[in-house]
């Protein structure tokens, strides 16, 4: 497993983290953390597009430099899993910084919107929407997304076999 935690995974984990921060800033600027927060749960799914692009470029980079342009699906998938694990390790503490400094009113706005739309009671909303729960749930969601993207994109980046 050591061969999958190389400089490529570390570099791309940093790049992916920057993409996540930029996406969070875009969400904030578009009002998805304040006046348009009710749309947040749907529009944030658009993050799959930049995430897939990052995973694709990462696997192409790894394939061309580490595997001499011939990579098996297994190597692509495990490299993607390593990238996912590194990103989760970085993302967990980063969630506290995002929700403390970039968008400090996010949870208050989300709780107010959930109560206003009669989705939750005030107690339920406060229990669900807080920095501790998001520090656990968001990295898990990114982990699942990373596993999915690793499996699918590794199929597209495999080396061609000659028969």
C-alpha atoms as a PDB file:
ATOM      1  CA  UNK A   1       0.000   0.000   0.000  1.00  0.00           C
ATOM      2  CA  UNK A   2       3.022   2.240   0.474  1.00  0.00           C
ATOM      3  CA  UNK A   3       3.399   2.598  -3.292  1.00  0.00           C
ATOM      4  CA  UNK A   4       0.063   4.395  -3.415  1.00  0.00           C
ATOM      5  CA  UNK A   5       1.026   7.139  -0.943  1.00  0.00           C
ATOM      6  CA  UNK A   6       3.581   8.813  -3.171  1.00  0.00           C
ATOM      7  CA  UNK A   7       4.377  12.422  -3.974  1.00  0.00           C
ATOM      8  CA  UNK A   8       1.614  12.373  -6.599  1.00  0.00           C
ATOM      9  CA  UNK A   9      -1.087  11.594  -4.043  1.00  0.00           C
ATOM     10  CA  UNK A  10       0.206  14.237  -1.634  1.00  0.00           C
ATOM     11  CA  UNK A  11       0.436  16.880  -4.360  1.00  0.00           C
ATOM     12  CA  UNK A  12      -3.017  16.109  -5.705  1.00  0.00           C
ATOM     13  CA  UNK A  13      -4.509  15.958  -2.200  1.00  0.00           C
ATOM     14  CA  UNK A  14      -3.294  19.537  -1.751  1.00  0.00           C
ATOM     15  CA  UNK A  15      -4.732  20.516  -5.150  1.00  0.00           C
ATOM     16  CA  UNK A  16      -8.042  18.813  -4.378  1.00  0.00           C
ATOM     17  CA  UNK A  17      -8.185  20.593  -1.018  1.00  0.00           C
ATOM     18  CA  UNK A  18      -7.691  23.913  -2.802  1.00  0.00           C
ATOM     19  CA  UNK A  19     -10.516  23.030  -5.210  1.00  0.00           C
ATOM     20  CA  UNK A  20     -12.744  22.291  -2.200  1.00  0.00           C
ATOM     21  CA  UNK A  21     -11.875  25.657  -0.639  1.00  0.00           C
ATOM     22  CA  UNK A  22     -12.549  27.479  -3.899  1.00  0.00           C
ATOM     23  CA  UNK A  23     -15.878  25.645  -4.244  1.00  0.00           C
ATOM     24  CA  UNK A  24     -16.804  26.642  -0.693  1.00  0.00           C
ATOM     25  CA  UNK A  25     -15.950  30.277  -1.451  1.00  0.00           C
ATOM     26  CA  UNK A  26     -18.063  30.125  -4.636  1.00  0.00           C
ATOM     27  CA  UNK A  27     -20.975  28.667  -2.653  1.00  0.00           C
ATOM     28  CA  UNK A  28     -20.615  31.478  -0.148  1.00  0.00           C
ATOM     29  CA  UNK A  29     -20.480  34.182  -2.830  1.00  0.00           C
ATOM     30  CA  UNK A  30     -23.527  32.770  -4.640  1.00  0.00           C
ATOM     31  CA  UNK A  31     -25.498  32.957  -1.408  1.00  0.00           C
ATOM     32  CA  UNK A  32     -25.847  29.205  -0.923  1.00  0.00           C
ATOM     33  CA  UNK A  33     -24.770  29.710   2.707  1.00  0.00           C
ATOM     34  CA  UNK A  34     -27.167  32.551   3.444  1.00  0.00           C
ATOM     35  CA  UNK A  35     -30.160  33.840   1.457  1.00  0.00           C
ATOM     36  CA  UNK A  36     -30.302  30.843  -0.922  1.00  0.00           C
ATOM     37  CA  UNK A  37     -29.454  28.207   1.669  1.00  0.00           C
ATOM     38  CA  UNK A  38     -32.550  26.151   0.884  1.00  0.00           C
ATOM     39  CA  UNK A  39     -30.953  25.379  -2.519  1.00  0.00           C
ATOM     40  CA  UNK A  40     -27.621  24.371  -0.969  1.00  0.00           C
ATOM     41  CA  UNK A  41     -28.407  20.690  -0.548  1.00  0.00           C
ATOM     42  CA  UNK A  42     -29.182  20.362  -4.272  1.00  0.00           C
ATOM     43  CA  UNK A  43     -26.720  22.766  -5.856  1.00  0.00           C
ATOM     44  CA  UNK A  44     -23.758  21.493  -3.858  1.00  0.00           C
ATOM     45  CA  UNK A  45     -24.086  18.218  -5.773  1.00  0.00           C
ATOM     46  CA  UNK A  46     -22.605  20.088  -8.729  1.00  0.00           C
ATOM     47  CA  UNK A  47     -19.261  19.654  -6.960  1.00  0.00           C
ATOM     48  CA  UNK A  48     -19.121  16.215  -8.558  1.00  0.00           C
ATOM     49  CA  UNK A  49     -18.003  17.901 -11.794  1.00  0.00           C
ATOM     50  CA  UNK A  50     -14.817  19.578 -10.491  1.00  0.00           C
ATOM     51  CA  UNK A  51     -14.122  16.545  -8.285  1.00  0.00           C
ATOM     52  CA  UNK A  52     -14.263  14.226 -11.313  1.00  0.00           C
ATOM     53  CA  UNK A  53     -11.996  16.567 -13.266  1.00  0.00           C
ATOM     54  CA  UNK A  54      -9.417  16.573 -10.453  1.00  0.00           C
ATOM     55  CA  UNK A  55      -9.503  12.778 -10.143  1.00  0.00           C
ATOM     56  CA  UNK A  56      -9.196  12.363 -13.905  1.00  0.00           C
ATOM     57  CA  UNK A  57      -6.216  14.715 -14.202  1.00  0.00           C
ATOM     58  CA  UNK A  58      -4.631  13.081 -11.144  1.00  0.00           C
ATOM     59  CA  UNK A  59      -4.911   9.586 -12.624  1.00  0.00           C
ATOM     60  CA  UNK A  60      -3.623  10.755 -16.014  1.00  0.00           C
ATOM     61  CA  UNK A  61      -0.675  12.420 -14.254  1.00  0.00           C
ATOM     62  CA  UNK A  62       0.055   9.305 -12.218  1.00  0.00           C
ATOM     63  CA  UNK A  63      -0.314   7.072 -15.258  1.00  0.00           C
ATOM     64  CA  UNK A  64       2.047   9.117 -17.413  1.00  0.00           C
ATOM     65  CA  UNK A  65       4.757   9.648 -14.791  1.00  0.00           C
ATOM     66  CA  UNK A  66       4.614   6.650 -12.463  1.00  0.00           C
ATOM     67  CA  UNK A  67       3.311   3.842 -14.661  1.00  0.00           C
ATOM     68  CA  UNK A  68       4.901   4.876 -17.958  1.00  0.00           C
ATOM     69  CA  UNK A  69       1.516   5.376 -19.634  1.00  0.00           C
ATOM     70  CA  UNK A  70       0.277   1.829 -18.856  1.00  0.00           C
ATOM     71  CA  UNK A  71      -1.790   1.504 -15.724  1.00  0.00           C
ATOM     72  CA  UNK A  72      -4.090  -1.298 -14.641  1.00  0.00           C
ATOM     73  CA  UNK A  73      -7.503  -0.550 -13.160  1.00  0.00           C
ATOM     74  CA  UNK A  74      -6.323  -1.831  -9.774  1.00  0.00           C
ATOM     75  CA  UNK A  75      -3.469   0.682  -9.659  1.00  0.00           C
ATOM     76  CA  UNK A  76      -5.748   3.555 -10.642  1.00  0.00           C
ATOM     77  CA  UNK A  77      -8.372   2.566  -8.097  1.00  0.00           C
ATOM     78  CA  UNK A  78      -5.899   2.187  -5.223  1.00  0.00           C
ATOM     79  CA  UNK A  79      -4.188   5.446  -6.152  1.00  0.00           C
ATOM     80  CA  UNK A  80      -7.587   7.145  -6.089  1.00  0.00           C
ATOM     81  CA  UNK A  81      -8.311   5.558  -2.709  1.00  0.00           C
ATOM     82  CA  UNK A  82      -5.005   6.891  -1.380  1.00  0.00           C
ATOM     83  CA  UNK A  83      -5.886  10.357  -2.683  1.00  0.00           C
ATOM     84  CA  UNK A  84      -9.270  10.061  -0.996  1.00  0.00           C
ATOM     85  CA  UNK A  85      -7.752   9.051   2.349  1.00  0.00           C
ATOM     86  CA  UNK A  86      -5.260  11.912   2.276  1.00  0.00           C
ATOM     87  CA  UNK A  87      -8.013  14.363   1.367  1.00  0.00           C
ATOM     88  CA  UNK A  88     -10.175  13.123   4.249  1.00  0.00           C
ATOM     89  CA  UNK A  89      -7.278  13.587   6.667  1.00  0.00           C
ATOM     90  CA  UNK A  90      -6.842  17.167   5.467  1.00  0.00           C
ATOM     91  CA  UNK A  91     -10.559  17.893   5.156  1.00  0.00           C
ATOM     92  CA  UNK A  92     -11.623  16.932   8.670  1.00  0.00           C
ATOM     93  CA  UNK A  93      -9.797  19.769  10.480  1.00  0.00           C
ATOM     94  CA  UNK A  94     -10.392  22.034   7.493  1.00  0.00           C
ATOM     95  CA  UNK A  95     -14.158  21.801   8.099  1.00  0.00           C
ATOM     96  CA  UNK A  96     -13.734  23.624  11.390  1.00  0.00           C
ATOM     97  CA  UNK A  97     -11.825  26.419   9.653  1.00  0.00           C
ATOM     98  CA  UNK A  98     -14.407  26.685   6.870  1.00  0.00           C
ATOM     99  CA  UNK A  99     -17.370  26.887   9.208  1.00  0.00           C
ATOM    100  CA  UNK A 100     -15.571  29.117  11.705  1.00  0.00           C
ATOM    101  CA  UNK A 101     -13.959  31.688   9.377  1.00  0.00           C
ATOM    102  CA  UNK A 102     -15.234  31.448   5.789  1.00  0.00           C
ATOM    103  CA  UNK A 103     -18.913  31.021   6.601  1.00  0.00           C
ATOM    104  CA  UNK A 104     -19.524  31.378  10.350  1.00  0.00           C
ATOM    105  CA  UNK A 105     -23.314  31.845  10.023  1.00  0.00           C
ATOM    106  CA  UNK A 106     -23.844  28.737   7.907  1.00  0.00           C
ATOM    107  CA  UNK A 107     -25.311  26.563  10.665  1.00  0.00           C
ATOM    108  CA  UNK A 108     -27.558  29.305  12.015  1.00  0.00           C
ATOM    109  CA  UNK A 109     -28.886  29.916   8.495  1.00  0.00           C
ATOM    110  CA  UNK A 110     -29.333  26.195   7.810  1.00  0.00           C
ATOM    111  CA  UNK A 111     -31.166  25.645  11.101  1.00  0.00           C
ATOM    112  CA  UNK A 112     -33.447  28.628  10.436  1.00  0.00           C
ATOM    113  CA  UNK A 113     -34.227  27.387   6.901  1.00  0.00           C
ATOM    114  CA  UNK A 114     -34.916  23.826   8.115  1.00  0.00           C
ATOM    115  CA  UNK A 115     -37.281  25.090  10.801  1.00  0.00           C
ATOM    116  CA  UNK A 116     -38.976  27.520   8.407  1.00  0.00           C
ATOM    117  CA  UNK A 117     -39.622  24.743   5.886  1.00  0.00           C
ATOM    118  CA  UNK A 118     -40.942  22.467   8.668  1.00  0.00           C
ATOM    119  CA  UNK A 119     -38.285  19.837   7.960  1.00  0.00           C
ATOM    120  CA  UNK A 120     -37.074  19.626  11.561  1.00  0.00           C
ATOM    121  CA  UNK A 121     -37.889  20.935  14.996  1.00  0.00           C
ATOM    122  CA  UNK A 122     -35.442  23.411  16.496  1.00  0.00           C
ATOM    123  CA  UNK A 123     -33.864  20.740  18.709  1.00  0.00           C
ATOM    124  CA  UNK A 124     -33.454  18.273  15.837  1.00  0.00           C
ATOM    125  CA  UNK A 125     -31.986  20.914  13.546  1.00  0.00           C
ATOM    126  CA  UNK A 126     -29.470  22.043  16.173  1.00  0.00           C
ATOM    127  CA  UNK A 127     -28.454  18.446  16.801  1.00  0.00           C
ATOM    128  CA  UNK A 128     -27.964  17.720  13.085  1.00  0.00           C
ATOM    129  CA  UNK A 129     -26.519  20.995  11.773  1.00  0.00           C
ATOM    130  CA  UNK A 130     -23.388  21.749  13.772  1.00  0.00           C
ATOM    131  CA  UNK A 131     -19.665  21.806  13.127  1.00  0.00           C
ATOM    132  CA  UNK A 132     -19.031  18.465  14.872  1.00  0.00           C
ATOM    133  CA  UNK A 133     -21.561  16.553  12.798  1.00  0.00           C
ATOM    134  CA  UNK A 134     -20.348  18.171   9.578  1.00  0.00           C
ATOM    135  CA  UNK A 135     -16.720  17.414  10.495  1.00  0.00           C
ATOM    136  CA  UNK A 136     -17.752  13.745  10.455  1.00  0.00           C
ATOM    137  CA  UNK A 137     -20.374  13.625   7.690  1.00  0.00           C
ATOM    138  CA  UNK A 138     -18.667  15.738   5.043  1.00  0.00           C
ATOM    139  CA  UNK A 139     -15.412  13.740   5.030  1.00  0.00           C
ATOM    140  CA  UNK A 140     -17.463  10.531   4.874  1.00  0.00           C
ATOM    141  CA  UNK A 141     -19.396  11.928   1.905  1.00  0.00           C
ATOM    142  CA  UNK A 142     -16.143  12.977   0.205  1.00  0.00           C
ATOM    143  CA  UNK A 143     -14.736   9.516   0.930  1.00  0.00           C
ATOM    144  CA  UNK A 144     -17.676   7.808  -0.737  1.00  0.00           C
ATOM    145  CA  UNK A 145     -17.473  10.217  -3.659  1.00  0.00           C
ATOM    146  CA  UNK A 146     -13.741   9.535  -3.935  1.00  0.00           C
ATOM    147  CA  UNK A 147     -14.234   5.768  -3.971  1.00  0.00           C
ATOM    148  CA  UNK A 148     -16.896   6.075  -6.661  1.00  0.00           C
ATOM    149  CA  UNK A 149     -14.787   8.434  -8.778  1.00  0.00           C
ATOM    150  CA  UNK A 150     -11.683   6.274  -8.325  1.00  0.00           C
ATOM    151  CA  UNK A 151     -13.483   3.180  -9.557  1.00  0.00           C
ATOM    152  CA  UNK A 152     -15.148   4.852 -12.542  1.00  0.00           C
ATOM    153  CA  UNK A 153     -12.314   7.108 -13.682  1.00  0.00           C
ATOM    154  CA  UNK A 154      -9.741   4.320 -13.338  1.00  0.00           C
ATOM    155  CA  UNK A 155     -11.680   2.527 -16.089  1.00  0.00           C
ATOM    156  CA  UNK A 156     -11.143   5.483 -18.427  1.00  0.00           C
ATOM    157  CA  UNK A 157      -7.463   5.893 -17.656  1.00  0.00           C
ATOM    158  CA  UNK A 158      -6.341   2.277 -17.972  1.00  0.00           C
ATOM    159  CA  UNK A 159      -3.683   1.437 -20.492  1.00  0.00           C
ATOM    160  CA  UNK A 160      -4.825  -0.248 -23.654  1.00  0.00           C
ATOM    161  CA  UNK A 161      -4.104  -3.924 -23.948  1.00  0.00           C
ATOM    162  CA  UNK A 162      -2.610  -5.347 -27.087  1.00  0.00           C
ATOM    163  CA  UNK A 163      -3.863  -8.793 -28.030  1.00  0.00           C
END
